C-alpha atoms as a PDB file:
ATOM      1  CA  MET A   1       4.746   3.985  -9.688  1.00  0.00           C
ATOM      2  CA  ALA A   2       3.744   4.463  -6.050  1.00  0.00           C
ATOM      3  CA  GLY A   3       6.055   1.596  -5.041  1.00  0.00           C
ATOM      4  CA  LYS A   4       9.048   3.261  -6.635  1.00  0.00           C
ATOM      5  CA  LEU A   5       8.186   6.591  -5.035  1.00  0.00           C
ATOM      6  CA  THR A   6       7.926   4.954  -1.611  1.00  0.00           C
ATOM      7  CA  ARG A   7      11.237   3.147  -2.117  1.00  0.00           C
ATOM      8  CA  TRP A   8      13.005   6.372  -3.151  1.00  0.00           C
ATOM      9  CA  THR A   9      11.472   8.234  -0.217  1.00  0.00           C
ATOM     10  CA  TRP A  10      12.814   5.657   2.244  1.00  0.00           C
ATOM     11  CA  PHE A  11      16.183   5.649   0.499  1.00  0.00           C
ATOM     12  CA  LEU A  12      16.378   9.442   0.702  1.00  0.00           C
ATOM     13  CA  ALA A  13      15.351   9.454   4.378  1.00  0.00           C
ATOM     14  CA  ALA A  14      17.982   6.834   5.243  1.00  0.00           C
ATOM     15  CA  THR A  15      20.656   8.739   3.324  1.00  0.00           C
ATOM     16  CA  VAL A  16      19.821  11.995   5.093  1.00  0.00           C
ATOM     17  CA  ALA A  17      19.909  10.240   8.472  1.00  0.00           C
ATOM     18  CA  LEU A  18      23.336   8.732   7.727  1.00  0.00           C
ATOM     19  CA  VAL A  19      24.724  12.067   6.554  1.00  0.00           C
ATOM     20  CA  LEU A  20      23.510  13.743   9.744  1.00  0.00           C
ATOM     21  CA  VAL A  21      25.080  11.048  11.918  1.00  0.00           C
ATOM     22  CA  PHE A  22      28.415  11.255  10.100  1.00  0.00           C
ATOM     23  CA  ALA A  23      28.319  15.046  10.258  1.00  0.00           C
ATOM     24  CA  ALA A  24      27.701  14.866  14.019  1.00  0.00           C
ATOM     25  CA  TYR A  25      30.859  12.782  14.457  1.00  0.00           C
ATOM     26  CA  LEU A  26      32.915  15.547  12.853  1.00  0.00           C
ATOM     27  CA  ASN A  27      32.462  17.426  16.126  1.00  0.00           C
ATOM     28  CA  PRO A  28      35.207  16.022  18.393  1.00  0.00           C
ATOM     29  CA  HIS A  29      33.408  17.033  21.587  1.00  0.00           C
ATOM     30  CA  LEU A  30      30.431  14.858  20.656  1.00  0.00           C
ATOM     31  CA  ALA A  31      32.638  11.844  19.948  1.00  0.00           C
ATOM     32  CA  VAL A  32      34.457  12.215  23.287  1.00  0.00           C
ATOM     33  CA  ASP A  33      31.182  12.709  25.154  1.00  0.00           C
ATOM     34  CA  LEU A  34      29.672   9.564  23.624  1.00  0.00           C
ATOM     35  CA  ALA A  35      32.813   7.560  24.377  1.00  0.00           C
ATOM     36  CA  ASN A  36      32.734   8.743  27.996  1.00  0.00           C
ATOM     37  CA  ARG A  37      29.066   7.768  28.318  1.00  0.00           C
ATOM     38  CA  VAL A  38      29.724   4.297  26.933  1.00  0.00           C
ATOM     39  CA  TRP A  39      32.790   3.876  29.174  1.00  0.00           C
ATOM     40  CA  ALA A  40      30.726   4.911  32.215  1.00  0.00           C
ATOM     41  CA  CYS A  41      28.494   1.870  31.675  1.00  0.00           C
ATOM     42  CA  PHE A  42      31.403  -0.421  32.574  1.00  0.00           C
END
């Protein structure tokens, strides 16, 4: 039982993290800022 609970906890944490990342990309200013930072490396 504890193994299933641990697995579901990790699954839920990963899902929440992915939702937050995708929600952050809905902000166009963030996407442009990240692209500019990556471009500045070259």
